[in-house]
Amino acid sequence: MRRWIRVAASVGLVIALAAPAFADVDQEDLDSAARQLEQLRREVEVLAVQYGEAWARSAELEDQVASLEHMVASSRVEVNLATRKVQERAVEMYMNARGSEMFALMVLDGGVSPGYGYLEEAASADQRLVNDLDILKGVYERQLSDLEIARLDQDAVTQNMQALAADLSEKIASAQITYEALKARRAEEEARRAAEEAARRAEAARKAAEEAARRATTTTTSATTTTSATTTTTPVTTTTTTTTPTTVPPSGATQACPIDGFTTFSDTWGAARSGGRTHEGVDMMAERGTPIVAIESGSIYQLKEGGLGGITIWLHSDSGDSYYYAHLEAWADGLHVGQVVATGELIGYVGSSGNAPDWLPHLHFEFHPDHGAAVNPYPLVKGLCG
């Protein structure tokens, strides 16, 4: 229910922002939408941090469970081998001692423990076999207990991640609606202001032309009158000064946020990941299918599908740096290796391919200065995406 209330509120805001034909949307409306978007951003940032911490804990538990499973398997083999040695020794002692059938049943059919009374009379070497078996069994049982606890912890963390992801997805969807409405209205406002400025300049140019024509007419009339009165022709030298305005093209942004839409992320550089790895990027969460763009102008160096990263892109920028995009839903139509792209050009869409969890689409983004090792990209994208 809370989700529908939030989405309905966002839809109401979209209707308010996108209906200039029925009512003017003033600056107060835009400011209100911006405040709502900022509030949503703060909420999702808190959740993103919690999710990042849970993700790191999940990776630690995944490695712990894998390690314990390996140890349990090894200990099981050791216990079985030790049990076989004790049984073989018991049979050997029985055959040498010509004991009763009851002992054979106790050792071979009833397990090892019933035969301990008989083995206590054995030499110290035989006793060590029994002691070693007891120790191995104790280790094995402790490992089984630790494994069960780790699996329970892992299940709890996974459930927590799924709950956080559901809350995040809800807020991100609401924020994306607000983001798109605000972006469209701001673009409309900029277009309106540009049109007004163009009209103002055209009017100013028209008036200037009229004034220049009026002055030219006045000057010509005055000069003609003077000539006829004095009957002296005075050569008039007309100097025309042409001023060419220096138009400085607007400095287009050299970098753009990798996600063209609402996104949230936290600084998880170095956080634990499965397989003993550490995180070498930033996870930028967004709605599935949100456009992914070139952070800089450059060329597509590699397109790959499969492995941990799923659908990936390597972008080599004109500035000499490399950028890695992973877990995409898809590449942009027609994208190919060697393609030259401009800053902000569409190259793909947010998804959850590879080893990313389906419940929370995101872009894994890496920054490799000078085509070298990865460095923490959080400060870069924070500055570009806010």
Protein backbone atom coordinates (compact mmCIF):
# COMPACT_ATOMS: atom_id res chain seq x y z
CA MET A 1 0.00 0.00 0.00
CA ARG A 2 2.79 2.46 0.89
CA ARG A 3 4.36 1.80 -2.50
CA TRP A 4 1.20 2.74 -4.37
CA ILE A 5 0.77 5.88 -2.27
CA ARG A 6 4.31 7.01 -3.15
CA VAL A 7 3.95 6.17 -6.82
CA ALA A 8 0.57 7.89 -6.95
CA ALA A 9 2.10 10.99 -5.40
CA SER A 10 4.85 10.95 -8.02
CA VAL A 11 2.32 10.48 -10.82
CA GLY A 12 0.36 13.41 -9.45
CA LEU A 13 3.50 15.50 -9.57
CA VAL A 14 4.12 14.42 -13.18
CA ILE A 15 0.60 15.51 -14.15
CA ALA A 16 1.16 18.85 -12.44
CA LEU A 17 4.50 19.41 -14.16
CA ALA A 18 3.54 18.14 -17.59
CA ALA A 19 0.28 20.02 -18.16
CA PRO A 20 1.20 23.59 -19.19
CA ALA A 21 -1.81 23.71 -21.47
CA PHE A 22 -4.10 23.67 -18.45
CA ALA A 23 -2.05 25.54 -15.89
CA ASP A 24 1.25 27.35 -15.76
CA VAL A 25 3.92 25.60 -13.75
CA ASP A 26 5.88 28.26 -11.95
CA GLN A 27 9.27 28.16 -10.26
CA GLU A 28 7.65 27.17 -6.99
CA ASP A 29 6.35 23.97 -8.62
CA LEU A 30 9.80 23.19 -9.97
CA ASP A 31 11.39 23.89 -6.59
CA SER A 32 8.83 21.64 -4.91
CA ALA A 33 9.61 18.81 -7.33
CA ALA A 34 13.34 19.32 -6.80
CA ARG A 35 12.84 19.15 -3.02
CA GLN A 36 10.83 15.95 -3.35
CA LEU A 37 13.54 14.44 -5.54
CA GLU A 38 16.23 15.44 -3.06
CA GLN A 39 14.24 13.89 -0.21
CA LEU A 40 13.93 10.65 -2.17
CA ARG A 41 17.64 10.80 -2.93
CA ARG A 42 18.50 11.04 0.77
CA GLU A 43 16.21 8.13 1.59
CA VAL A 44 17.65 5.85 -1.06
CA GLU A 45 21.22 6.80 -0.16
CA VAL A 46 20.61 5.54 3.39
CA LEU A 47 19.16 2.31 2.03
CA ALA A 48 22.01 2.00 -0.47
CA VAL A 49 24.58 2.16 2.32
CA GLN A 50 22.69 -0.51 4.28
CA TYR A 51 22.42 -2.67 1.19
CA GLY A 52 26.14 -2.28 0.48
CA GLU A 53 27.00 -3.39 4.01
CA ALA A 54 24.65 -6.37 3.73
CA TRP A 55 26.17 -7.29 0.37
CA ALA A 56 29.68 -7.27 1.85
CA ARG A 57 28.50 -9.40 4.78
CA SER A 58 26.79 -11.80 2.38
CA ALA A 59 30.05 -12.20 0.45
CA GLU A 60 31.95 -12.91 3.67
CA LEU A 61 29.39 -15.53 4.69
CA GLU A 62 29.45 -17.08 1.22
CA ASP A 63 33.20 -17.57 1.50
CA GLN A 64 32.84 -18.81 5.09
CA VAL A 65 30.21 -21.37 4.10
CA ALA A 66 32.32 -22.55 1.17
CA SER A 67 35.36 -22.90 3.42
CA LEU A 68 33.40 -24.80 6.08
CA GLU A 69 31.87 -27.10 3.47
CA HIS A 70 35.37 -27.93 2.24
CA MET A 71 36.60 -28.56 5.79
CA VAL A 72 33.57 -30.72 6.62
CA ALA A 73 34.13 -32.80 3.49
CA SER A 74 37.82 -33.25 4.36
CA SER A 75 37.03 -34.11 7.98
CA ARG A 76 34.43 -36.65 6.87
CA VAL A 77 37.07 -38.40 4.78
CA GLU A 78 39.52 -38.36 7.71
CA VAL A 79 36.89 -39.76 10.10
CA ASN A 80 36.01 -42.53 7.66
CA LEU A 81 39.68 -43.45 7.20
CA ALA A 82 40.31 -43.42 10.96
CA THR A 83 37.19 -45.51 11.56
CA ARG A 84 38.36 -48.05 9.00
CA LYS A 85 41.77 -48.30 10.68
CA VAL A 86 40.19 -48.93 14.07
CA GLN A 87 37.85 -51.55 12.63
CA GLU A 88 40.70 -53.27 10.79
CA ARG A 89 42.79 -53.31 13.96
CA ALA A 90 39.87 -54.66 15.95
CA VAL A 91 39.39 -57.49 13.45
CA GLU A 92 43.10 -58.25 13.55
CA MET A 93 43.09 -58.41 17.36
CA TYR A 94 40.01 -60.59 17.36
CA MET A 95 41.45 -63.03 14.85
CA ASN A 96 44.67 -63.28 16.83
CA ALA A 97 42.87 -63.65 20.12
CA ARG A 98 40.19 -66.04 18.79
CA GLY A 99 37.54 -64.10 20.76
CA SER A 100 33.84 -64.71 20.85
CA GLU A 101 31.36 -63.98 18.11
CA MET A 102 29.78 -61.38 20.37
CA PHE A 103 32.92 -59.18 20.10
CA ALA A 104 32.83 -59.39 16.31
CA LEU A 105 29.22 -58.31 16.31
CA MET A 106 29.97 -55.48 18.70
CA VAL A 107 32.84 -54.12 16.60
CA LEU A 108 31.79 -54.86 13.05
CA ASP A 109 28.01 -54.55 13.23
CA GLY A 110 27.46 -52.36 16.27
CA GLY A 111 30.09 -49.73 15.44
CA VAL A 112 33.43 -48.87 17.00
CA SER A 113 32.38 -47.67 20.44
CA PRO A 114 31.12 -51.06 21.81
CA GLY A 115 34.51 -52.53 21.12
CA TYR A 116 36.41 -49.91 23.13
CA GLY A 117 36.42 -52.10 26.24
CA TYR A 118 38.32 -54.80 24.43
CA LEU A 119 40.69 -52.33 22.75
CA GLU A 120 41.62 -50.73 26.08
CA GLU A 121 43.79 -53.78 26.65
CA ALA A 122 45.70 -53.12 23.42
CA ALA A 123 49.11 -51.55 23.14
CA SER A 124 49.53 -47.76 23.28
CA ALA A 125 49.80 -47.58 19.48
CA ASP A 126 46.37 -49.14 19.19
CA GLN A 127 45.01 -46.77 21.82
CA ARG A 128 46.25 -43.80 19.80
CA LEU A 129 44.11 -44.98 16.90
CA VAL A 130 41.05 -44.74 19.08
CA ASN A 131 42.07 -41.35 20.51
CA ASP A 132 42.72 -39.94 17.06
CA LEU A 133 39.29 -41.10 15.95
CA ASP A 134 37.65 -39.39 18.92
CA ILE A 135 39.48 -36.13 18.16
CA LEU A 136 38.56 -36.25 14.48
CA LYS A 137 34.93 -36.90 15.33
CA GLY A 138 34.92 -33.91 17.69
CA VAL A 139 36.40 -31.62 15.04
CA TYR A 140 33.93 -32.90 12.47
CA GLU A 141 30.93 -32.27 14.72
CA ARG A 142 32.10 -28.74 15.58
CA GLN A 143 32.57 -27.96 11.90
CA LEU A 144 29.07 -29.25 11.13
CA SER A 145 27.68 -26.99 13.85
CA ASP A 146 29.63 -23.97 12.55
CA LEU A 147 28.41 -24.69 9.03
CA GLU A 148 24.80 -24.81 10.15
CA ILE A 149 25.15 -21.48 11.98
CA ALA A 150 26.87 -19.85 8.97
CA ARG A 151 24.11 -21.06 6.65
CA LEU A 152 21.44 -19.64 8.97
CA ASP A 153 23.30 -16.32 9.08
CA GLN A 154 23.59 -16.37 5.30
CA ASP A 155 19.85 -16.95 4.90
CA ALA A 156 19.09 -14.08 7.30
CA VAL A 157 21.40 -11.70 5.43
CA THR A 158 19.91 -12.72 2.08
CA GLN A 159 16.39 -12.06 3.36
CA ASN A 160 17.51 -8.67 4.67
CA MET A 161 19.09 -7.84 1.30
CA GLN A 162 15.90 -8.77 -0.51
CA ALA A 163 13.82 -6.59 1.82
CA LEU A 164 16.21 -3.66 1.37
CA ALA A 165 16.21 -4.20 -2.39
CA ALA A 166 12.40 -4.14 -2.50
CA ASP A 167 12.33 -0.87 -0.56
CA LEU A 168 15.09 0.56 -2.73
CA SER A 169 13.37 -0.46 -5.95
CA GLU A 170 10.15 1.19 -4.81
CA LYS A 171 11.85 4.46 -3.95
CA ILE A 172 14.02 4.42 -7.08
CA ALA A 173 10.92 3.91 -9.26
CA SER A 174 9.20 6.84 -7.56
CA ALA A 175 12.31 8.98 -7.87
CA GLN A 176 12.71 8.10 -11.56
CA ILE A 177 9.16 9.32 -12.27
CA THR A 178 9.90 12.60 -10.50
CA TYR A 179 13.31 12.88 -12.19
CA GLU A 180 11.89 12.47 -15.69
CA ALA A 181 9.06 14.95 -15.07
CA LEU A 182 11.43 17.52 -13.61
CA LYS A 183 13.95 17.03 -16.43
CA ALA A 184 11.26 17.48 -19.09
CA ARG A 185 9.83 20.58 -17.44
CA ARG A 186 13.26 22.16 -17.02
CA ALA A 187 14.03 21.47 -20.68
CA GLU A 188 10.72 23.09 -21.59
CA GLU A 189 11.55 26.10 -19.43
CA GLU A 190 15.00 26.41 -21.01
CA ALA A 191 13.46 26.23 -24.49
CA ARG A 192 10.89 28.88 -23.56
CA ARG A 193 13.56 31.18 -22.16
CA ALA A 194 15.75 30.63 -25.21
CA ALA A 195 12.80 31.50 -27.46
CA GLU A 196 12.07 34.61 -25.42
CA GLU A 197 15.72 35.64 -25.58
CA ALA A 198 15.79 35.07 -29.34
CA ALA A 199 12.63 37.15 -29.73
CA ARG A 200 14.10 39.89 -27.55
CA ARG A 201 17.28 39.99 -29.60
CA ALA A 202 15.31 40.00 -32.86
CA GLU A 203 13.22 42.90 -31.60
CA ALA A 204 16.33 44.75 -30.48
CA ALA A 205 17.94 44.15 -33.88
CA ARG A 206 14.79 45.39 -35.64
CA LYS A 207 14.73 48.55 -33.56
CA ALA A 208 18.45 49.09 -34.11
CA ALA A 209 17.97 48.70 -37.86
CA GLU A 210 15.08 51.16 -37.83
CA GLU A 211 17.14 53.64 -35.82
CA ALA A 212 20.09 53.25 -38.18
CA ALA A 213 17.83 53.81 -41.17
CA ARG A 214 16.30 56.89 -39.55
CA ARG A 215 19.72 58.35 -38.82
CA ALA A 216 20.91 57.61 -42.35
CA THR A 217 17.88 59.40 -43.78
CA THR A 218 18.43 62.40 -41.52
CA THR A 219 22.12 62.63 -42.43
CA THR A 220 21.40 62.42 -46.17
CA THR A 221 18.77 65.16 -45.99
CA SER A 222 21.09 67.41 -44.01
CA ALA A 223 23.99 66.91 -46.41
CA THR A 224 21.81 67.69 -49.44
CA THR A 225 20.54 70.90 -47.90
CA THR A 226 24.05 72.09 -47.07
CA THR A 227 25.34 71.47 -50.59
CA SER A 228 22.58 73.40 -52.31
CA ALA A 229 23.02 76.37 -49.98
CA THR A 230 26.77 76.79 -50.38
CA THR A 231 27.13 75.42 -53.90
CA THR A 232 30.29 73.81 -52.61
CA THR A 233 30.69 70.17 -52.91
CA THR A 234 32.50 68.79 -49.95
CA PRO A 235 33.84 65.29 -50.42
CA VAL A 236 32.49 63.16 -47.66
CA THR A 237 34.53 60.16 -46.61
CA THR A 238 32.37 57.48 -45.09
CA THR A 239 34.12 55.02 -42.77
CA THR A 240 32.23 51.79 -42.12
CA THR A 241 33.32 49.87 -39.04
CA THR A 242 32.21 46.26 -39.06
CA THR A 243 32.21 44.70 -35.62
CA THR A 244 32.21 40.95 -35.70
CA PRO A 245 31.09 39.65 -32.34
CA THR A 246 33.32 36.95 -30.97
CA THR A 247 31.01 34.07 -30.28
CA VAL A 248 32.45 31.72 -27.72
CA PRO A 249 30.74 28.35 -28.10
CA PRO A 250 29.36 27.09 -24.83
CA SER A 251 31.90 24.82 -23.29
CA GLY A 252 30.19 21.48 -23.67
CA ALA A 253 30.63 19.19 -20.72
CA THR A 254 33.61 16.92 -21.21
CA GLN A 255 32.14 14.32 -18.84
CA ALA A 256 28.64 13.09 -18.04
CA CYS A 257 27.07 10.92 -15.36
CA PRO A 258 27.23 7.31 -16.64
CA ILE A 259 23.50 6.88 -15.95
CA ASP A 260 21.02 9.16 -17.68
CA GLY A 261 18.36 8.88 -15.01
CA PHE A 262 17.88 8.72 -11.28
CA THR A 263 20.60 6.71 -9.57
CA THR A 264 21.92 6.11 -6.10
CA PHE A 265 25.23 4.66 -4.94
CA SER A 266 27.59 4.55 -1.98
CA ASP A 267 31.34 4.26 -1.54
CA THR A 268 31.92 0.50 -1.42
CA TRP A 269 35.48 0.53 -2.75
CA GLY A 270 37.40 -2.37 -1.20
CA ALA A 271 34.30 -4.05 0.26
CA ALA A 272 34.27 -7.85 0.43
CA ARG A 273 32.99 -9.77 -2.56
CA SER A 274 32.57 -13.51 -3.16
CA GLY A 275 35.61 -15.61 -3.90
CA GLY A 276 37.83 -13.53 -1.63
CA ARG A 277 37.71 -10.59 -4.04
CA THR A 278 37.37 -6.94 -3.08
CA HIS A 279 35.11 -4.43 -4.80
CA GLU A 280 36.98 -2.36 -7.39
CA GLY A 281 34.18 -0.11 -8.55
CA VAL A 282 30.95 1.61 -7.59
CA ASP A 283 27.51 0.03 -7.88
CA MET A 284 25.08 2.58 -9.31
CA MET A 285 21.52 1.44 -8.64
CA ALA A 286 18.77 2.50 -11.02
CA GLU A 287 15.58 1.22 -12.60
CA ARG A 288 16.02 -1.64 -15.01
CA GLY A 289 16.36 -0.29 -18.54
CA THR A 290 17.57 3.17 -17.51
CA PRO A 291 19.89 4.56 -20.22
CA ILE A 292 23.65 4.19 -19.71
CA VAL A 293 25.82 6.73 -21.51
CA ALA A 294 29.47 7.38 -22.33
CA ILE A 295 31.08 9.25 -19.46
CA GLU A 296 33.53 10.80 -21.95
CA SER A 297 34.04 10.95 -25.67
CA GLY A 298 36.12 8.08 -26.97
CA SER A 299 35.72 4.70 -28.62
CA ILE A 300 34.29 1.32 -27.70
CA TYR A 301 37.28 -0.91 -27.00
CA GLN A 302 35.55 -4.17 -26.01
CA LEU A 303 32.06 -5.66 -25.82
CA LYS A 304 31.70 -8.92 -23.91
CA GLU A 305 28.89 -11.13 -22.68
CA GLY A 306 29.29 -13.79 -19.98
CA GLY A 307 31.23 -14.35 -16.78
CA LEU A 308 30.82 -12.39 -13.56
CA GLY A 309 30.25 -9.08 -15.34
CA GLY A 310 27.56 -10.37 -17.69
CA ILE A 311 27.03 -7.87 -20.51
CA THR A 312 29.97 -5.44 -20.33
CA ILE A 313 31.58 -2.49 -22.12
CA TRP A 314 35.13 -1.17 -22.09
CA LEU A 315 35.32 2.48 -23.16
CA HIS A 316 38.67 4.08 -24.02
CA SER A 317 38.29 7.83 -23.70
CA ASP A 318 40.00 10.51 -25.75
CA SER A 319 41.62 11.75 -22.54
CA GLY A 320 43.56 8.48 -22.18
CA ASP A 321 41.53 6.80 -19.44
CA SER A 322 39.45 3.62 -19.51
CA TYR A 323 36.00 2.94 -18.09
CA TYR A 324 34.36 -0.42 -17.45
CA TYR A 325 30.57 -0.92 -17.43
CA ALA A 326 29.14 -4.25 -16.17
CA HIS A 327 25.83 -6.07 -15.47
CA LEU A 328 24.03 -4.34 -18.37
CA GLU A 329 20.58 -5.40 -19.52
CA ALA A 330 21.62 -4.82 -23.13
CA TRP A 331 23.88 -2.75 -25.36
CA ALA A 332 22.50 0.16 -27.34
CA ASP A 333 21.24 -0.88 -30.78
CA GLY A 334 24.08 -1.14 -33.25
CA LEU A 335 26.86 -0.58 -30.71
CA HIS A 336 30.09 -2.14 -31.97
CA VAL A 337 33.78 -2.33 -31.16
CA GLY A 338 35.66 0.64 -32.58
CA GLN A 339 32.61 2.87 -32.58
CA VAL A 340 33.36 6.51 -31.74
CA VAL A 341 31.00 7.90 -29.10
CA ALA A 342 30.41 11.39 -27.78
CA THR A 343 30.08 12.41 -24.15
CA GLY A 344 26.60 11.45 -22.98
CA GLU A 345 25.85 9.19 -25.96
CA LEU A 346 23.68 6.15 -25.28
CA ILE A 347 25.68 2.91 -25.07
CA GLY A 348 23.48 0.56 -23.03
CA TYR A 349 20.84 -0.04 -20.39
CA VAL A 350 20.91 -0.82 -16.65
CA GLY A 351 20.32 -4.49 -15.82
CA SER A 352 21.45 -7.38 -13.64
CA SER A 353 23.38 -9.72 -15.95
CA GLY A 354 26.32 -11.81 -14.76
CA ASN A 355 26.52 -12.51 -11.04
CA ALA A 356 24.41 -9.48 -10.07
CA PRO A 357 21.25 -10.27 -8.05
CA ASP A 358 18.07 -10.00 -10.10
CA TRP A 359 16.23 -8.19 -7.34
CA LEU A 360 18.21 -4.93 -7.67
CA PRO A 361 19.44 -3.82 -11.13
CA HIS A 362 22.57 -1.70 -11.09
CA LEU A 363 25.59 -0.60 -13.08
CA HIS A 364 28.99 -1.73 -11.84
CA PHE A 365 31.30 1.08 -12.95
CA GLU A 366 35.11 1.17 -12.86
CA PHE A 367 37.62 3.95 -13.52
CA HIS A 368 41.10 3.07 -14.89
CA PRO A 369 43.30 6.18 -15.29
CA ASP A 370 45.81 5.93 -18.15
CA HIS A 371 44.36 2.48 -18.99
CA GLY A 372 45.97 1.15 -15.81
CA ALA A 373 44.75 -0.32 -12.53
CA ALA A 374 41.34 0.61 -11.18
CA VAL A 375 41.02 3.44 -8.68
CA ASN A 376 38.04 4.38 -6.53
CA PRO A 377 35.48 5.90 -8.94
CA TYR A 378 33.15 7.18 -6.21
CA PRO A 379 34.53 10.75 -6.07
CA LEU A 380 34.29 10.98 -9.87
CA VAL A 381 30.68 9.83 -10.21
CA LYS A 382 29.63 11.72 -7.09
CA GLY A 383 30.83 14.91 -8.71
CA LEU A 384 29.08 14.10 -11.99
CA CYS A 385 25.84 12.58 -10.72
CA GLY A 386 25.36 14.38 -7.42
